[in-house]
Amino acid sequence: LYGKELTVGTPEVLAQNYTLTDNDAYYYLKTSNYIYTD
């Protein structure tokens, strides 16, 4: 929740605030592309 995911996690990824590559250790790349079926 707010300890990580709702602070530095999903909303920041959706806002395009991180540079994500295929080396996707936290599995956010598809989220950054708004693939909500992932």
Full PDB file with SEQRES, HELIX, SHEET, SSBOND, CRYST1, ORIGX, SCALE, CONECT and MASTER records, all heavy atoms in Angstrom:
SEQRES   1 A   38  LEU TYR GLY LYS GLU LEU THR VAL GLY THR PRO GLU VAL          
SEQRES   2 A   38  LEU ALA GLN ASN TYR THR LEU THR ASP ASN ASP ALA TYR          
SEQRES   3 A   38  TYR TYR LEU LYS THR SER ASN TYR ILE TYR THR ASP              
HELIX    1 AA1 GLU A    5  GLY A    9  3                                   5    
HELIX    2 AA2 THR A   10  LEU A   14  1                                   5    
HELIX    3 AA3 LEU A   29  SER A   32  1                                   4    
CRYST1    1.000    1.000    1.000  90.00  90.00  90.00 P 1           1          
ORIGX1      1.000000  0.000000  0.000000        0.00000                         
ORIGX2      0.000000  1.000000  0.000000        0.00000                         
ORIGX3      0.000000  0.000000  1.000000        0.00000                         
SCALE1      1.000000  0.000000  0.000000        0.00000                         
SCALE2      0.000000  1.000000  0.000000        0.00000                         
SCALE3      0.000000  0.000000  1.000000        0.00000                         
ATOM      1  N   LEU A   1       0.842  -1.191   0.000  1.00  0.00           N  
ATOM      2  CA  LEU A   1       0.000   0.000   0.000  1.00  0.00           C  
ATOM      3  C   LEU A   1       0.885   1.253   0.000  1.00  0.00           C  
ATOM      4  O   LEU A   1       1.720   1.421  -0.872  1.00  0.00           O  
ATOM      5  CB  LEU A   1      -0.964  -0.050   1.187  1.00  0.00           C  
ATOM      6  CG  LEU A   1      -1.926  -1.263   1.187  1.00  0.00           C  
ATOM      7  CD1 LEU A   1      -2.777  -1.278   2.441  1.00  0.00           C  
ATOM      8  CD2 LEU A   1      -2.803  -1.269  -0.059  1.00  0.00           C  
ATOM      9  N   TYR A   2       0.760   2.138   0.986  1.00  0.00           N  
ATOM     10  CA  TYR A   2       1.474   3.401   0.941  1.00  0.00           C  
ATOM     11  C   TYR A   2       2.949   3.277   1.279  1.00  0.00           C  
ATOM     12  O   TYR A   2       3.727   4.199   1.009  1.00  0.00           O  
ATOM     13  CB  TYR A   2       0.812   4.412   1.883  1.00  0.00           C  
ATOM     14  CG  TYR A   2      -0.603   4.762   1.485  1.00  0.00           C  
ATOM     15  CD1 TYR A   2      -1.689   4.200   2.142  1.00  0.00           C  
ATOM     16  CD2 TYR A   2      -0.856   5.650   0.437  1.00  0.00           C  
ATOM     17  CE1 TYR A   2      -2.998   4.519   1.784  1.00  0.00           C  
ATOM     18  CE2 TYR A   2      -2.150   5.972   0.073  1.00  0.00           C  
ATOM     19  CZ  TYR A   2      -3.224   5.396   0.745  1.00  0.00           C  
ATOM     20  OH  TYR A   2      -4.510   5.702   0.381  1.00  0.00           O  
ATOM     21  N   GLY A   3       3.361   2.142   1.873  1.00  0.00           N  
ATOM     22  CA  GLY A   3       4.768   1.957   2.166  1.00  0.00           C  
ATOM     23  C   GLY A   3       5.629   1.931   0.920  1.00  0.00           C  
ATOM     24  O   GLY A   3       6.787   2.351   0.942  1.00  0.00           O  
ATOM     25  N   LYS A   4       5.055   1.463  -0.178  1.00  0.00           N  
ATOM     26  CA  LYS A   4       5.781   1.461  -1.434  1.00  0.00           C  
ATOM     27  C   LYS A   4       4.846   1.620  -2.634  1.00  0.00           C  
ATOM     28  O   LYS A   4       4.950   2.572  -3.385  1.00  0.00           O  
ATOM     29  CB  LYS A   4       6.621   0.187  -1.596  1.00  0.00           C  
ATOM     30  CG  LYS A   4       7.544   0.241  -2.822  1.00  0.00           C  
ATOM     31  CD  LYS A   4       8.497  -0.962  -2.890  1.00  0.00           C  
ATOM     32  CE  LYS A   4       7.867  -2.120  -3.605  1.00  0.00           C  
ATOM     33  NZ  LYS A   4       8.857  -3.214  -3.839  1.00  0.00           N  
ATOM     34  N   GLU A   5       3.906   0.689  -2.798  1.00  0.00           N  
ATOM     35  CA  GLU A   5       3.180   0.591  -4.063  1.00  0.00           C  
ATOM     36  C   GLU A   5       2.410   1.856  -4.424  1.00  0.00           C  
ATOM     37  O   GLU A   5       2.422   2.282  -5.588  1.00  0.00           O  
ATOM     38  CB  GLU A   5       2.234  -0.610  -4.018  1.00  0.00           C  
ATOM     39  CG  GLU A   5       1.753  -1.037  -5.391  1.00  0.00           C  
ATOM     40  CD  GLU A   5       2.917  -1.325  -6.330  1.00  0.00           C  
ATOM     41  OE1 GLU A   5       3.811  -2.122  -5.964  1.00  0.00           O  
ATOM     42  OE2 GLU A   5       2.950  -0.737  -7.425  1.00  0.00           O  
ATOM     43  N   LEU A   6       1.729   2.475  -3.464  1.00  0.00           N  
ATOM     44  CA  LEU A   6       0.922   3.651  -3.760  1.00  0.00           C  
ATOM     45  C   LEU A   6       1.711   4.948  -3.660  1.00  0.00           C  
ATOM     46  O   LEU A   6       1.177   6.026  -3.926  1.00  0.00           O  
ATOM     47  CB  LEU A   6      -0.288   3.709  -2.820  1.00  0.00           C  
ATOM     48  CG  LEU A   6      -1.401   2.709  -3.139  1.00  0.00           C  
ATOM     49  CD1 LEU A   6      -2.444   2.685  -2.034  1.00  0.00           C  
ATOM     50  CD2 LEU A   6      -2.050   3.021  -4.483  1.00  0.00           C  
ATOM     51  N   THR A   7       2.978   4.846  -3.292  1.00  0.00           N  
ATOM     52  CA  THR A   7       3.828   6.032  -3.201  1.00  0.00           C  
ATOM     53  C   THR A   7       4.829   6.060  -4.350  1.00  0.00           C  
ATOM     54  O   THR A   7       4.803   6.956  -5.190  1.00  0.00           O  
ATOM     55  CB  THR A   7       4.561   6.071  -1.851  1.00  0.00           C  
ATOM     56  OG1 THR A   7       3.600   6.062  -0.795  1.00  0.00           O  
ATOM     57  CG2 THR A   7       5.413   7.327  -1.728  1.00  0.00           C  
ATOM     58  N   VAL A   8       5.695   5.082  -4.406  1.00  0.00           N  
ATOM     59  CA  VAL A   8       6.735   5.067  -5.443  1.00  0.00           C  
ATOM     60  C   VAL A   8       6.425   4.064  -6.545  1.00  0.00           C  
ATOM     61  O   VAL A   8       7.189   3.961  -7.505  1.00  0.00           O  
ATOM     62  CB  VAL A   8       8.121   4.752  -4.832  1.00  0.00           C  
ATOM     63  CG1 VAL A   8       8.492   5.761  -3.776  1.00  0.00           C  
ATOM     64  CG2 VAL A   8       8.159   3.331  -4.267  1.00  0.00           C  
ATOM     65  N   GLY A   9       5.320   3.332  -6.428  1.00  0.00           N  
ATOM     66  CA  GLY A   9       5.041   2.250  -7.349  1.00  0.00           C  
ATOM     67  C   GLY A   9       4.087   2.596  -8.469  1.00  0.00           C  
ATOM     68  O   GLY A   9       4.343   3.483  -9.289  1.00  0.00           O  
ATOM     69  N   THR A  10       2.939   1.917  -8.503  1.00  0.00           N  
ATOM     70  CA  THR A  10       2.038   1.939  -9.653  1.00  0.00           C  
ATOM     71  C   THR A  10       1.673   3.336 -10.167  1.00  0.00           C  
ATOM     72  O   THR A  10       1.785   3.589 -11.373  1.00  0.00           O  
ATOM     73  CB  THR A  10       0.766   1.136  -9.331  1.00  0.00           C  
ATOM     74  OG1 THR A  10       1.132  -0.245  -9.134  1.00  0.00           O  
ATOM     75  CG2 THR A  10      -0.248   1.219 -10.460  1.00  0.00           C  
ATOM     76  N   PRO A  11       1.233   4.291  -9.325  1.00  0.00           N  
ATOM     77  CA  PRO A  11       0.876   5.603  -9.885  1.00  0.00           C  
ATOM     78  C   PRO A  11       2.038   6.317 -10.571  1.00  0.00           C  
ATOM     79  O   PRO A  11       1.839   7.024 -11.566  1.00  0.00           O  
ATOM     80  CB  PRO A  11       0.391   6.395  -8.658  1.00  0.00           C  
ATOM     81  CG  PRO A  11      -0.033   5.357  -7.674  1.00  0.00           C  
ATOM     82  CD  PRO A  11       0.924   4.225  -7.876  1.00  0.00           C  
ATOM     83  N   GLU A  12       3.253   6.128 -10.066  1.00  0.00           N  
ATOM     84  CA  GLU A  12       4.416   6.743 -10.702  1.00  0.00           C  
ATOM     85  C   GLU A  12       4.736   6.088 -12.040  1.00  0.00           C  
ATOM     86  O   GLU A  12       5.137   6.757 -12.999  1.00  0.00           O  
ATOM     87  CB  GLU A  12       5.628   6.649  -9.769  1.00  0.00           C  
ATOM     88  CG  GLU A  12       5.558   7.551  -8.557  1.00  0.00           C  
ATOM     89  CD  GLU A  12       5.495   9.018  -8.934  1.00  0.00           C  
ATOM     90  OE1 GLU A  12       6.511   9.549  -9.423  1.00  0.00           O  
ATOM     91  OE2 GLU A  12       4.428   9.627  -8.755  1.00  0.00           O  
ATOM     92  N   VAL A  13       4.556   4.782 -12.113  1.00  0.00           N  
ATOM     93  CA  VAL A  13       4.766   4.075 -13.381  1.00  0.00           C  
ATOM     94  C   VAL A  13       3.746   4.546 -14.407  1.00  0.00           C  
ATOM     95  O   VAL A  13       4.088   4.828 -15.564  1.00  0.00           O  
ATOM     96  CB  VAL A  13       4.658   2.551 -13.159  1.00  0.00           C  
ATOM     97  CG1 VAL A  13       4.712   1.813 -14.497  1.00  0.00           C  
ATOM     98  CG2 VAL A  13       5.771   2.060 -12.234  1.00  0.00           C  
ATOM     99  N   LEU A  14       2.483   4.670 -13.993  1.00  0.00           N  
ATOM    100  CA  LEU A  14       1.431   5.129 -14.904  1.00  0.00           C  
ATOM    101  C   LEU A  14       1.675   6.561 -15.363  1.00  0.00           C  
ATOM    102  O   LEU A  14       1.270   6.943 -16.465  1.00  0.00           O  
ATOM    103  CB  LEU A  14       0.074   5.019 -14.211  1.00  0.00           C  
ATOM    104  CG  LEU A  14      -0.388   3.607 -13.836  1.00  0.00           C  
ATOM    105  CD1 LEU A  14      -1.690   3.661 -13.047  1.00  0.00           C  
ATOM    106  CD2 LEU A  14      -0.553   2.732 -15.077  1.00  0.00           C  
ATOM    107  N   ALA A  15       2.343   7.359 -14.539  1.00  0.00           N  
ATOM    108  CA  ALA A  15       2.642   8.749 -14.888  1.00  0.00           C  
ATOM    109  C   ALA A  15       3.909   8.886 -15.726  1.00  0.00           C  
ATOM    110  O   ALA A  15       4.347  10.007 -15.999  1.00  0.00           O  
ATOM    111  CB  ALA A  15       2.768   9.588 -13.618  1.00  0.00           C  
ATOM    112  N   GLN A  16       4.507   7.759 -16.119  1.00  0.00           N  
ATOM    113  CA  GLN A  16       5.700   7.763 -16.971  1.00  0.00           C  
ATOM    114  C   GLN A  16       6.900   8.408 -16.304  1.00  0.00           C  
ATOM    115  O   GLN A  16       7.694   9.100 -16.941  1.00  0.00           O  
ATOM    116  CB  GLN A  16       5.397   8.470 -18.305  1.00  0.00           C  
ATOM    117  CG  GLN A  16       4.217   7.905 -19.066  1.00  0.00           C  
ATOM    118  CD  GLN A  16       4.400   6.433 -19.444  1.00  0.00           C  
ATOM    119  OE1 GLN A  16       5.420   6.053 -20.011  1.00  0.00           O  
ATOM    120  NE2 GLN A  16       3.419   5.601 -19.097  1.00  0.00           N  
ATOM    121  N   ASN A  17       7.075   8.146 -15.018  1.00  0.00           N  
ATOM    122  CA  ASN A  17       8.161   8.791 -14.277  1.00  0.00           C  
ATOM    123  C   ASN A  17       9.401   7.930 -14.125  1.00  0.00           C  
ATOM    124  O   ASN A  17      10.384   8.401 -13.530  1.00  0.00           O  
ATOM    125  CB  ASN A  17       7.657   9.216 -12.889  1.00  0.00           C  
ATOM    126  CG  ASN A  17       6.997  10.577 -12.913  1.00  0.00           C  
ATOM    127  OD1 ASN A  17       7.073  11.294 -13.905  1.00  0.00           O  
ATOM    128  ND2 ASN A  17       6.339  10.948 -11.837  1.00  0.00           N  
ATOM    129  N   TYR A  18       9.385   6.713 -14.640  1.00  0.00           N  
ATOM    130  CA  TYR A  18      10.570   5.864 -14.578  1.00  0.00           C  
ATOM    131  C   TYR A  18      10.960   5.414 -15.983  1.00  0.00           C  
ATOM    132  O   TYR A  18      10.108   5.280 -16.864  1.00  0.00           O  
ATOM    133  CB  TYR A  18      10.324   4.625 -13.707  1.00  0.00           C  
ATOM    134  CG  TYR A  18       9.936   4.915 -12.274  1.00  0.00           C  
ATOM    135  CD1 TYR A  18       8.922   4.196 -11.643  1.00  0.00           C  
ATOM    136  CD2 TYR A  18      10.573   5.918 -11.538  1.00  0.00           C  
ATOM    137  CE1 TYR A  18       8.563   4.448 -10.323  1.00  0.00           C  
ATOM    138  CE2 TYR A  18      10.218   6.183 -10.224  1.00  0.00           C  
ATOM    139  CZ  TYR A  18       9.205   5.448  -9.622  1.00  0.00           C  
ATOM    140  OH  TYR A  18       8.856   5.710  -8.322  1.00  0.00           O  
ATOM    141  N   THR A  19      12.246   5.183 -16.166  1.00  0.00           N  
ATOM    142  CA  THR A  19      12.737   4.648 -17.427  1.00  0.00           C  
ATOM    143  C   THR A  19      12.805   3.125 -17.300  1.00  0.00           C  
ATOM    144  O   THR A  19      13.647   2.596 -16.571  1.00  0.00           O  
ATOM    145  CB  THR A  19      14.128   5.213 -17.767  1.00  0.00           C  
ATOM    146  OG1 THR A  19      14.051   6.649 -17.819  1.00  0.00           O  
ATOM    147  CG2 THR A  19      14.622   4.670 -19.095  1.00  0.00           C  
ATOM    148  N   LEU A  20      11.893   2.455 -17.961  1.00  0.00           N  
ATOM    149  CA  LEU A  20      11.788   1.007 -17.841  1.00  0.00           C  
ATOM    150  C   LEU A  20      12.274   0.334 -19.119  1.00  0.00           C  
ATOM    151  O   LEU A  20      12.040   0.810 -20.223  1.00  0.00           O  
ATOM    152  CB  LEU A  20      10.341   0.611 -17.555  1.00  0.00           C  
ATOM    153  CG  LEU A  20       9.745   1.225 -16.281  1.00  0.00           C  
ATOM    154  CD1 LEU A  20       8.248   0.957 -16.198  1.00  0.00           C  
ATOM    155  CD2 LEU A  20      10.446   0.677 -15.047  1.00  0.00           C  
ATOM    156  N   THR A  21      12.963  -0.777 -18.939  1.00  0.00           N  
ATOM    157  CA  THR A  21      13.522  -1.515 -20.068  1.00  0.00           C  
ATOM    158  C   THR A  21      13.085  -2.968 -19.990  1.00  0.00           C  
ATOM    159  O   THR A  21      12.337  -3.372 -19.096  1.00  0.00           O  
ATOM    160  CB  THR A  21      15.066  -1.450 -20.048  1.00  0.00           C  
ATOM    161  OG1 THR A  21      15.541  -2.169 -18.894  1.00  0.00           O  
ATOM    162  CG2 THR A  21      15.550  -0.007 -19.990  1.00  0.00           C  
ATOM    163  N   ASP A  22      13.576  -3.774 -20.923  1.00  0.00           N  
ATOM    164  CA  ASP A  22      13.245  -5.202 -20.901  1.00  0.00           C  
ATOM    165  C   ASP A  22      13.813  -5.895 -19.666  1.00  0.00           C  
ATOM    166  O   ASP A  22      13.349  -6.968 -19.286  1.00  0.00           O  
ATOM    167  CB  ASP A  22      13.780  -5.879 -22.168  1.00  0.00           C  
ATOM    168  CG  ASP A  22      13.013  -5.438 -23.413  1.00  0.00           C  
ATOM    169  OD1 ASP A  22      11.856  -4.992 -23.254  1.00  0.00           O  
ATOM    170  OD2 ASP A  22      13.566  -5.529 -24.511  1.00  0.00           O  
ATOM    171  N   ASN A  23      14.832  -5.292 -19.053  1.00  0.00           N  
ATOM    172  CA  ASN A  23      15.340  -5.813 -17.772  1.00  0.00           C  
ATOM    173  C   ASN A  23      14.408  -5.313 -16.666  1.00  0.00           C  
ATOM    174  O   ASN A  23      14.728  -4.386 -15.925  1.00  0.00           O  
ATOM    175  CB  ASN A  23      16.778  -5.330 -17.532  1.00  0.00           C  
ATOM    176  CG  ASN A  23      17.721  -5.887 -18.581  1.00  0.00           C  
ATOM    177  OD1 ASN A  23      17.736  -7.081 -18.834  1.00  0.00           O  
ATOM    178  ND2 ASN A  23      18.502  -5.014 -19.205  1.00  0.00           N  
ATOM    179  N   ASP A  24      13.269  -5.950 -16.574  1.00  0.00           N  
ATOM    180  CA  ASP A  24      12.132  -5.436 -15.831  1.00  0.00           C  
ATOM    181  C   ASP A  24      12.000  -6.170 -14.500  1.00  0.00           C  
ATOM    182  O   ASP A  24      11.084  -6.970 -14.298  1.00  0.00           O  
ATOM    183  CB  ASP A  24      10.874  -5.618 -16.691  1.00  0.00           C  
ATOM    184  CG  ASP A  24       9.643  -4.955 -16.136  1.00  0.00           C  
ATOM    185  OD1 ASP A  24       9.796  -4.033 -15.313  1.00  0.00           O  
ATOM    186  OD2 ASP A  24       8.528  -5.355 -16.530  1.00  0.00           O  
ATOM    187  N   ALA A  25      12.906  -5.863 -13.563  1.00  0.00           N  
ATOM    188  CA  ALA A  25      12.984  -6.624 -12.314  1.00  0.00           C  
ATOM    189  C   ALA A  25      11.721  -6.524 -11.477  1.00  0.00           C  
ATOM    190  O   ALA A  25      11.391  -7.450 -10.733  1.00  0.00           O  
ATOM    191  CB  ALA A  25      14.186  -6.157 -11.501  1.00  0.00           C  
ATOM    192  N   TYR A  26      11.004  -5.407 -11.577  1.00  0.00           N  
ATOM    193  CA  TYR A  26       9.800  -5.226 -10.770  1.00  0.00           C  
ATOM    194  C   TYR A  26       8.514  -5.416 -11.573  1.00  0.00           C  
ATOM    195  O   TYR A  26       7.422  -5.151 -11.075  1.00  0.00           O  
ATOM    196  CB  TYR A  26       9.820  -3.845 -10.102  1.00  0.00           C  
ATOM    197  CG  TYR A  26      10.822  -3.777  -8.978  1.00  0.00           C  
ATOM    198  CD1 TYR A  26      12.138  -3.382  -9.210  1.00  0.00           C  
ATOM    199  CD2 TYR A  26      10.478  -4.149  -7.689  1.00  0.00           C  
ATOM    200  CE1 TYR A  26      13.064  -3.349  -8.181  1.00  0.00           C  
ATOM    201  CE2 TYR A  26      11.400  -4.123  -6.656  1.00  0.00           C  
ATOM    202  CZ  TYR A  26      12.683  -3.723  -6.910  1.00  0.00           C  
ATOM    203  OH  TYR A  26      13.612  -3.691  -5.889  1.00  0.00           O  
ATOM    204  N   TYR A  27       8.646  -5.854 -12.814  1.00  0.00           N  
ATOM    205  CA  TYR A  27       7.488  -6.207 -13.654  1.00  0.00           C  
ATOM    206  C   TYR A  27       6.525  -5.031 -13.830  1.00  0.00           C  
ATOM    207  O   TYR A  27       5.308  -5.179 -13.739  1.00  0.00           O  
ATOM    208  CB  TYR A  27       6.760  -7.434 -13.073  1.00  0.00           C  
ATOM    209  CG  TYR A  27       7.677  -8.610 -12.848  1.00  0.00           C  
ATOM    210  CD1 TYR A  27       8.120  -8.937 -11.570  1.00  0.00           C  
ATOM    211  CD2 TYR A  27       8.143  -9.365 -13.924  1.00  0.00           C  
ATOM    212  CE1 TYR A  27       8.991  -9.995 -11.363  1.00  0.00           C  
ATOM    213  CE2 TYR A  27       9.015 -10.433 -13.735  1.00  0.00           C  
ATOM    214  CZ  TYR A  27       9.442 -10.738 -12.450  1.00  0.00           C  
ATOM    215  OH  TYR A  27      10.316 -11.780 -12.249  1.00  0.00           O  
ATOM    216  N   TYR A  28       7.113  -3.882 -14.102  1.00  0.00           N  
ATOM    217  CA  TYR A  28       6.320  -2.678 -14.309  1.00  0.00           C  
ATOM    218  C   TYR A  28       6.225  -2.268 -15.779  1.00  0.00           C  
ATOM    219  O   TYR A  28       5.471  -1.349 -16.108  1.00  0.00           O  
ATOM    220  CB  TYR A  28       6.939  -1.507 -13.543  1.00  0.00           C  
ATOM    221  CG  TYR A  28       6.619  -1.442 -12.068  1.00  0.00           C  
ATOM    222  CD1 TYR A  28       7.622  -1.199 -11.138  1.00  0.00           C  
ATOM    223  CD2 TYR A  28       5.318  -1.590 -11.605  1.00  0.00           C  
ATOM    224  CE1 TYR A  28       7.347  -1.112  -9.775  1.00  0.00           C  
ATOM    225  CE2 TYR A  28       5.025  -1.506 -10.253  1.00  0.00           C  
ATOM    226  CZ  TYR A  28       6.044  -1.272  -9.346  1.00  0.00           C  
ATOM    227  OH  TYR A  28       5.746  -1.182  -8.005  1.00  0.00           O  
ATOM    228  N   LEU A  29       6.966  -2.900 -16.665  1.00  0.00           N  
ATOM    229  CA  LEU A  29       7.025  -2.431 -18.043  1.00  0.00           C  
ATOM    230  C   LEU A  29       5.650  -2.468 -18.701  1.00  0.00           C  
ATOM    231  O   LEU A  29       5.233  -1.504 -19.358  1.00  0.00           O  
ATOM    232  CB  LEU A  29       8.025  -3.269 -18.843  1.00  0.00           C  
ATOM    233  CG  LEU A  29       8.246  -2.832 -20.299  1.00  0.00           C  
ATOM    234  CD1 LEU A  29       8.730  -1.380 -20.357  1.00  0.00           C  
ATOM    235  CD2 LEU A  29       9.263  -3.755 -20.988  1.00  0.00           C  
ATOM    236  N   LYS A  30       4.922  -3.562 -18.526  1.00  0.00           N  
ATOM    237  CA  LYS A  30       3.586  -3.647 -19.130  1.00  0.00           C  
ATOM    238  C   LYS A  30       2.628  -2.648 -18.480  1.00  0.00           C  
ATOM    239  O   LYS A  30       1.758  -2.095 -19.161  1.00  0.00           O  
ATOM    240  CB  LYS A  30       3.049  -5.070 -19.008  1.00  0.00           C  
ATOM    241  CG  LYS A  30       3.785  -6.074 -19.904  1.00  0.00           C  
ATOM    242  CD  LYS A  30       3.190  -7.455 -19.803  1.00  0.00           C  
ATOM    243  CE  LYS A  30       3.908  -8.419 -20.732  1.00  0.00           C  
ATOM    244  NZ  LYS A  30       3.364  -9.809 -20.634  1.00  0.00           N  
ATOM    245  N   THR A  31       2.808  -2.400 -17.197  1.00  0.00           N  
ATOM    246  CA  THR A  31       1.985  -1.395 -16.530  1.00  0.00           C  
ATOM    247  C   THR A  31       2.231  -0.016 -17.134  1.00  0.00           C  
ATOM    248  O   THR A  31       1.294   0.760 -17.345  1.00  0.00           O  
ATOM    249  CB  THR A  31       2.286  -1.366 -15.020  1.00  0.00           C  
ATOM    250  OG1 THR A  31       2.011  -2.646 -14.454  1.00  0.00           O  
ATOM    251  CG2 THR A  31       1.447  -0.317 -14.308  1.00  0.00           C  
ATOM    252  N   SER A  32       3.490   0.286 -17.437  1.00  0.00           N  
ATOM    253  CA  SER A  32       3.814   1.588 -18.030  1.00  0.00           C  
ATOM    254  C   SER A  32       3.206   1.745 -19.416  1.00  0.00           C  
ATOM    255  O   SER A  32       3.000   2.862 -19.884  1.00  0.00           O  
ATOM    256  CB  SER A  32       5.337   1.779 -18.113  1.00  0.00           C  
ATOM    257  OG  SER A  32       5.905   0.967 -19.127  1.00  0.00           O  
ATOM    258  N   ASN A  33       2.894   0.618 -20.055  1.00  0.00           N  
ATOM    259  CA  ASN A  33       2.243   0.634 -21.366  1.00  0.00           C  
ATOM    260  C   ASN A  33       0.729   0.449 -21.247  1.00  0.00           C  
ATOM    261  O   ASN A  33       0.046   0.222 -22.251  1.00  0.00           O  
ATOM    262  CB  ASN A  33       2.839  -0.455 -22.264  1.00  0.00           C  
ATOM    263  CG  ASN A  33       4.270  -0.149 -22.661  1.00  0.00           C  
ATOM    264  OD1 ASN A  33       4.606   0.992 -22.980  1.00  0.00           O  
ATOM    265  ND2 ASN A  33       5.137  -1.151 -22.633  1.00  0.00           N  
ATOM    266  N   TYR A  34       0.230   0.500 -20.021  1.00  0.00           N  
ATOM    267  CA  TYR A  34      -1.203   0.439 -19.720  1.00  0.00           C  
ATOM    268  C   TYR A  34      -1.841  -0.861 -20.183  1.00  0.00           C  
ATOM    269  O   TYR A  34      -2.989  -0.891 -20.640  1.00  0.00           O  
ATOM    270  CB  TYR A  34      -1.931   1.657 -20.317  1.00  0.00           C  
ATOM    271  CG  TYR A  34      -1.260   2.961 -19.962  1.00  0.00           C  
ATOM    272  CD1 TYR A  34      -0.522   3.678 -20.906  1.00  0.00           C  
ATOM    273  CD2 TYR A  34      -1.311   3.453 -18.663  1.00  0.00           C  
ATOM    274  CE1 TYR A  34       0.119   4.866 -20.584  1.00  0.00           C  
ATOM    275  CE2 TYR A  34      -0.664   4.641 -18.318  1.00  0.00           C  
ATOM    276  CZ  TYR A  34       0.047   5.330 -19.277  1.00  0.00           C  
ATOM    277  OH  TYR A  34       0.681   6.497 -18.950  1.00  0.00           O  
ATOM    278  N   ILE A  35      -1.089  -1.948 -20.040  1.00  0.00           N  
ATOM    279  CA  ILE A  35      -1.613  -3.277 -20.352  1.00  0.00           C  
ATOM    280  C   ILE A  35      -2.235  -3.824 -19.065  1.00  0.00           C  
ATOM    281  O   ILE A  35      -1.568  -4.473 -18.251  1.00  0.00           O  
ATOM    282  CB  ILE A  35      -0.504  -4.210 -20.887  1.00  0.00           C  
ATOM    283  CG1 ILE A  35       0.114  -3.596 -22.153  1.00  0.00           C  
ATOM    284  CG2 ILE A  35      -1.067  -5.609 -21.181  1.00  0.00           C  
ATOM    285  CD1 ILE A  35       1.315  -4.369 -22.681  1.00  0.00           C  
ATOM    286  N   TYR A  36      -3.504  -3.541 -18.878  1.00  0.00           N  
ATOM    287  CA  TYR A  36      -4.164  -3.843 -17.615  1.00  0.00           C  
ATOM    288  C   TYR A  36      -4.625  -5.299 -17.512  1.00  0.00           C  
ATOM    289  O   TYR A  36      -5.241  -5.676 -16.510  1.00  0.00           O  
ATOM    290  CB  TYR A  36      -5.337  -2.888 -17.395  1.00  0.00           C  
ATOM    291  CG  TYR A  36      -4.911  -1.459 -17.126  1.00  0.00           C  
ATOM    292  CD1 TYR A  36      -5.820  -0.410 -17.239  1.00  0.00           C  
ATOM    293  CD2 TYR A  36      -3.598  -1.142 -16.757  1.00  0.00           C  
ATOM    294  CE1 TYR A  36      -5.438   0.903 -16.970  1.00  0.00           C  
ATOM    295  CE2 TYR A  36      -3.210   0.157 -16.503  1.00  0.00           C  
ATOM    296  CZ  TYR A  36      -4.137   1.184 -16.615  1.00  0.00           C  
ATOM    297  OH  TYR A  36      -3.750   2.477 -16.351  1.00  0.00           O  
ATOM    298  N   THR A  37      -4.313  -6.092 -18.531  1.00  0.00           N  
ATOM    299  CA  THR A  37      -4.584  -7.535 -18.463  1.00  0.00           C  
ATOM    300  C   THR A  37      -3.366  -8.319 -17.981  1.00  0.00           C  
ATOM    301  O   THR A  37      -3.449  -9.539 -17.817  1.00  0.00           O  
ATOM    302  CB  THR A  37      -5.002  -8.061 -19.839  1.00  0.00           C  
ATOM    303  OG1 THR A  37      -3.977  -7.740 -20.795  1.00  0.00           O  
ATOM    304  CG2 THR A  37      -6.325  -7.456 -20.282  1.00  0.00           C  
ATOM    305  N   ASP A  38      -2.273  -7.631 -17.734  1.00  0.00           N  
ATOM    306  CA  ASP A  38      -1.041  -8.286 -17.273  1.00  0.00           C  
ATOM    307  C   ASP A  38      -1.241  -8.853 -15.869  1.00  0.00           C  
ATOM    308  O   ASP A  38      -1.758  -8.175 -14.978  1.00  0.00           O  
ATOM    309  CB  ASP A  38       0.099  -7.266 -17.286  1.00  0.00           C  
ATOM    310  CG  ASP A  38       1.362  -7.810 -16.645  1.00  0.00           C  
ATOM    311  OD1 ASP A  38       1.858  -8.848 -17.102  1.00  0.00           O  
ATOM    312  OD2 ASP A  38       1.826  -7.182 -15.658  1.00  0.00           O  
TER     313      ASP A  38                                                      
MASTER        0    0    0    3    0    0    0    6  312    1    0    3          
END                                                                             
